[in-house]
């Protein structure tokens, strides 16, 4: 398991019929690992779709893809957080 997103890699191959080279995107195992931009404890806004809620040891967690994160929130901005923060996700 890795922490981040495995990106596909462009590979140049030769056409078997014409002999001319062209580029194709190879599988995830050949690409490089883009590290996560989000760290534990970050406060983020995420899209309405593409997330799952799970309860682990009595605590609720939301799982989503990094691509679904819209922006980072400022944890010192208490006025903005109060409107969005739910007590069940503290």
N, C-alpha and C. Protein backbone atom coordinates (compact mmCIF):
# COMPACT_ATOMS: atom_id res chain seq x y z
N UNK A 1 0.85 -1.18 0.00
CA UNK A 1 0.00 0.00 0.00
C UNK A 1 0.89 1.24 0.00
N UNK A 2 0.49 2.25 -0.70
CA UNK A 2 1.28 3.47 -0.77
C UNK A 2 0.46 4.65 -0.33
N UNK A 3 1.13 5.71 0.06
CA UNK A 3 0.47 6.93 0.49
C UNK A 3 0.58 7.96 -0.63
N UNK A 4 -0.45 8.06 -1.42
CA UNK A 4 -0.44 8.97 -2.55
C UNK A 4 -1.16 8.35 -3.73
N UNK A 5 -0.95 8.93 -4.89
CA UNK A 5 -1.61 8.45 -6.10
C UNK A 5 -0.56 8.01 -7.10
N UNK A 6 -0.71 6.79 -7.58
CA UNK A 6 0.20 6.26 -8.58
C UNK A 6 -0.27 6.75 -9.94
N UNK A 7 0.58 7.52 -10.63
CA UNK A 7 0.23 8.11 -11.91
C UNK A 7 0.72 7.24 -13.06
N UNK A 8 -0.03 7.25 -14.15
CA UNK A 8 0.39 6.51 -15.33
C UNK A 8 1.56 7.22 -16.00
N UNK A 9 2.30 6.47 -16.76
CA UNK A 9 3.50 6.99 -17.40
C UNK A 9 3.34 6.90 -18.92
N UNK A 10 3.79 7.93 -19.63
CA UNK A 10 3.80 7.89 -21.09
C UNK A 10 5.01 7.08 -21.55
N UNK A 11 4.77 6.12 -22.44
CA UNK A 11 5.83 5.26 -22.95
C UNK A 11 5.80 5.32 -24.47
N UNK A 12 6.98 5.43 -25.07
CA UNK A 12 7.05 5.46 -26.53
C UNK A 12 7.25 4.04 -27.04
N UNK A 13 6.35 3.62 -27.95
CA UNK A 13 6.44 2.28 -28.55
C UNK A 13 6.44 2.44 -30.06
N UNK A 14 6.78 1.35 -30.73
CA UNK A 14 6.84 1.36 -32.19
C UNK A 14 5.64 0.60 -32.75
N UNK A 15 5.00 1.18 -33.74
CA UNK A 15 3.84 0.54 -34.36
C UNK A 15 4.29 -0.72 -35.11
N UNK A 16 3.62 -1.85 -34.89
CA UNK A 16 4.02 -3.07 -35.60
C UNK A 16 3.69 -3.03 -37.10
N UNK A 17 2.74 -2.20 -37.49
CA UNK A 17 2.36 -2.15 -38.92
C UNK A 17 3.14 -1.11 -39.69
N UNK A 18 3.30 0.09 -39.14
CA UNK A 18 3.99 1.15 -39.88
C UNK A 18 5.45 1.32 -39.46
N UNK A 19 5.78 0.87 -38.26
CA UNK A 19 7.15 1.03 -37.77
C UNK A 19 7.42 2.39 -37.17
N UNK A 20 6.42 3.27 -37.18
CA UNK A 20 6.61 4.61 -36.63
C UNK A 20 6.37 4.61 -35.12
N UNK A 21 7.15 5.41 -34.40
CA UNK A 21 6.97 5.46 -32.95
C UNK A 21 5.75 6.33 -32.58
N UNK A 22 5.11 5.97 -31.48
CA UNK A 22 4.03 6.78 -30.93
C UNK A 22 3.99 6.56 -29.42
N UNK A 23 3.31 7.45 -28.72
CA UNK A 23 3.27 7.37 -27.26
C UNK A 23 1.94 6.82 -26.79
N UNK A 24 2.01 5.97 -25.75
CA UNK A 24 0.82 5.42 -25.10
C UNK A 24 1.00 5.57 -23.60
N UNK A 25 -0.13 5.54 -22.89
CA UNK A 25 -0.05 5.60 -21.43
C UNK A 25 -0.02 4.19 -20.87
N UNK A 26 1.02 3.91 -20.11
CA UNK A 26 1.19 2.58 -19.52
C UNK A 26 0.46 2.52 -18.19
N UNK A 27 0.40 1.35 -17.60
CA UNK A 27 -0.33 1.13 -16.36
C UNK A 27 0.25 1.87 -15.18
N UNK A 28 -0.50 1.83 -14.09
CA UNK A 28 -0.13 2.55 -12.87
C UNK A 28 1.18 2.06 -12.27
N UNK A 29 1.52 0.81 -12.49
CA UNK A 29 2.74 0.27 -11.87
C UNK A 29 4.01 0.87 -12.46
N UNK A 30 3.94 1.49 -13.64
CA UNK A 30 5.13 2.07 -14.25
C UNK A 30 5.30 3.54 -13.94
N UNK A 31 4.26 4.19 -13.46
CA UNK A 31 4.32 5.62 -13.19
C UNK A 31 4.97 5.94 -11.86
N UNK A 32 5.00 7.21 -11.53
CA UNK A 32 5.60 7.61 -10.27
C UNK A 32 4.50 7.92 -9.24
N UNK A 33 4.89 7.99 -8.00
CA UNK A 33 3.97 8.19 -6.90
C UNK A 33 3.87 9.68 -6.58
N UNK A 34 2.67 10.25 -6.73
CA UNK A 34 2.44 11.64 -6.35
C UNK A 34 2.03 11.65 -4.89
N UNK A 35 2.81 12.29 -4.01
CA UNK A 35 2.49 12.26 -2.58
C UNK A 35 1.18 12.98 -2.29
N UNK A 36 0.58 12.62 -1.18
CA UNK A 36 -0.67 13.24 -0.75
C UNK A 36 -0.43 14.69 -0.39
N UNK A 37 -1.37 15.56 -0.77
CA UNK A 37 -1.31 16.97 -0.39
C UNK A 37 -1.98 17.19 0.96
N UNK A 38 -2.85 16.27 1.35
CA UNK A 38 -3.61 16.39 2.59
C UNK A 38 -2.92 15.61 3.68
N UNK A 39 -2.80 16.22 4.85
CA UNK A 39 -2.15 15.59 6.00
C UNK A 39 -3.20 15.37 7.11
N UNK A 40 -2.96 14.44 8.01
CA UNK A 40 -3.89 14.25 9.12
C UNK A 40 -4.06 15.55 9.92
N UNK A 41 -5.32 15.87 10.23
CA UNK A 41 -5.61 17.08 10.98
C UNK A 41 -5.99 18.26 10.11
N UNK A 42 -5.80 18.16 8.78
CA UNK A 42 -6.21 19.24 7.88
C UNK A 42 -7.73 19.33 7.85
N UNK A 43 -8.24 20.55 7.78
CA UNK A 43 -9.66 20.79 7.65
C UNK A 43 -9.93 21.13 6.20
N UNK A 44 -10.80 20.34 5.54
CA UNK A 44 -11.02 20.51 4.12
C UNK A 44 -12.51 20.58 3.80
N UNK A 45 -12.81 21.14 2.64
CA UNK A 45 -14.15 21.09 2.04
C UNK A 45 -14.06 20.07 0.91
N UNK A 46 -15.07 19.22 0.78
CA UNK A 46 -15.05 18.21 -0.26
C UNK A 46 -16.38 18.18 -0.99
N UNK A 47 -16.41 17.58 -2.17
CA UNK A 47 -17.62 17.56 -2.99
C UNK A 47 -18.69 16.68 -2.35
N UNK A 48 -19.92 16.88 -2.78
CA UNK A 48 -21.04 16.13 -2.22
C UNK A 48 -21.04 14.66 -2.65
N UNK A 49 -20.43 14.34 -3.75
CA UNK A 49 -20.43 12.98 -4.27
C UNK A 49 -19.08 12.31 -4.05
N UNK A 50 -19.10 10.99 -4.01
CA UNK A 50 -17.86 10.24 -3.98
C UNK A 50 -17.21 10.10 -2.62
N UNK A 51 -17.99 10.11 -1.54
CA UNK A 51 -17.42 9.91 -0.21
C UNK A 51 -18.22 8.85 0.51
N UNK A 52 -17.57 8.25 1.50
CA UNK A 52 -18.21 7.21 2.31
C UNK A 52 -18.01 7.53 3.78
N UNK A 53 -19.01 7.20 4.58
CA UNK A 53 -18.93 7.41 6.02
C UNK A 53 -18.80 6.04 6.70
N UNK A 54 -17.81 5.91 7.59
CA UNK A 54 -17.60 4.67 8.33
C UNK A 54 -17.44 4.98 9.81
N UNK A 55 -17.92 4.09 10.66
CA UNK A 55 -17.73 4.21 12.09
C UNK A 55 -16.69 3.17 12.52
N UNK A 56 -15.62 3.65 13.10
CA UNK A 56 -14.53 2.79 13.55
C UNK A 56 -14.31 3.05 15.03
N UNK A 57 -14.47 2.02 15.84
CA UNK A 57 -14.33 2.12 17.30
C UNK A 57 -15.20 3.24 17.87
N UNK A 58 -16.42 3.37 17.35
CA UNK A 58 -17.36 4.35 17.86
C UNK A 58 -17.14 5.77 17.37
N UNK A 59 -16.15 6.00 16.53
CA UNK A 59 -15.88 7.34 16.00
C UNK A 59 -16.18 7.36 14.51
N UNK A 60 -16.87 8.41 14.03
CA UNK A 60 -17.24 8.51 12.63
C UNK A 60 -16.12 9.13 11.81
N UNK A 61 -15.86 8.53 10.64
CA UNK A 61 -14.85 9.02 9.71
C UNK A 61 -15.47 9.15 8.33
N UNK A 62 -15.00 10.11 7.55
CA UNK A 62 -15.41 10.27 6.17
C UNK A 62 -14.21 9.98 5.29
N UNK A 63 -14.41 9.09 4.31
CA UNK A 63 -13.36 8.71 3.37
C UNK A 63 -13.74 9.25 2.00
N UNK A 64 -12.78 9.91 1.36
CA UNK A 64 -12.98 10.44 0.02
C UNK A 64 -11.66 10.45 -0.72
N UNK A 65 -11.70 10.61 -2.02
CA UNK A 65 -10.48 10.70 -2.81
C UNK A 65 -9.90 12.11 -2.69
N UNK A 66 -8.62 12.21 -2.83
CA UNK A 66 -7.99 13.53 -2.77
C UNK A 66 -8.50 14.43 -3.89
N UNK A 67 -8.88 13.85 -5.02
CA UNK A 67 -9.41 14.64 -6.13
C UNK A 67 -10.74 15.29 -5.78
N UNK A 68 -11.45 14.77 -4.77
CA UNK A 68 -12.75 15.33 -4.38
C UNK A 68 -12.63 16.51 -3.43
N UNK A 69 -11.42 16.80 -2.95
CA UNK A 69 -11.23 17.93 -2.05
C UNK A 69 -11.27 19.22 -2.84
N UNK A 70 -12.14 20.13 -2.40
CA UNK A 70 -12.33 21.39 -3.11
C UNK A 70 -11.33 22.43 -2.63
N UNK A 71 -11.17 22.54 -1.29
CA UNK A 71 -10.24 23.53 -0.76
C UNK A 71 -9.87 23.17 0.68
N UNK A 72 -8.83 23.82 1.15
CA UNK A 72 -8.43 23.70 2.55
C UNK A 72 -9.11 24.82 3.33
N UNK A 73 -9.60 24.51 4.51
CA UNK A 73 -10.23 25.52 5.35
C UNK A 73 -9.22 26.03 6.36
N UNK A 74 -9.43 27.23 6.86
CA UNK A 74 -8.57 27.83 7.86
C UNK A 74 -9.13 27.48 9.24
N UNK A 75 -8.44 26.63 10.02
CA UNK A 75 -8.98 26.23 11.32
C UNK A 75 -9.05 27.38 12.33
N UNK A 76 -8.36 28.49 12.08
CA UNK A 76 -8.45 29.62 13.00
C UNK A 76 -9.67 30.48 12.71
N UNK A 77 -10.33 30.26 11.58
CA UNK A 77 -11.54 31.01 11.23
C UNK A 77 -12.74 30.32 11.88
N UNK A 78 -12.97 30.64 13.14
CA UNK A 78 -14.03 29.95 13.89
C UNK A 78 -15.41 30.33 13.39
N UNK A 79 -15.59 31.50 12.85
CA UNK A 79 -16.91 31.92 12.38
C UNK A 79 -17.34 31.07 11.17
N UNK A 80 -16.44 30.83 10.26
CA UNK A 80 -16.76 30.01 9.09
C UNK A 80 -16.93 28.55 9.43
N UNK A 81 -16.12 28.04 10.36
CA UNK A 81 -16.20 26.63 10.72
C UNK A 81 -17.49 26.30 11.47
N UNK A 82 -18.00 27.21 12.26
CA UNK A 82 -19.20 26.92 13.03
C UNK A 82 -20.38 26.63 12.12
N UNK A 83 -20.42 27.27 10.98
CA UNK A 83 -21.53 27.05 10.06
C UNK A 83 -21.44 25.66 9.40
N UNK A 84 -20.22 25.12 9.25
CA UNK A 84 -20.05 23.86 8.54
C UNK A 84 -19.75 22.68 9.46
N UNK A 85 -19.31 22.94 10.67
CA UNK A 85 -18.83 21.87 11.53
C UNK A 85 -19.99 21.18 12.24
N UNK A 86 -19.98 19.88 12.17
CA UNK A 86 -20.99 19.10 12.86
C UNK A 86 -20.36 18.50 14.11
N UNK A 87 -21.03 18.49 15.25
CA UNK A 87 -20.43 17.96 16.48
C UNK A 87 -20.09 16.48 16.39
N UNK A 88 -20.76 15.74 15.50
CA UNK A 88 -20.48 14.31 15.43
C UNK A 88 -19.17 13.99 14.73
N UNK A 89 -18.53 14.98 14.04
CA UNK A 89 -17.26 14.76 13.36
C UNK A 89 -16.12 15.50 13.99
N UNK A 90 -16.14 15.73 15.28
CA UNK A 90 -15.04 16.42 15.98
C UNK A 90 -13.82 15.55 16.08
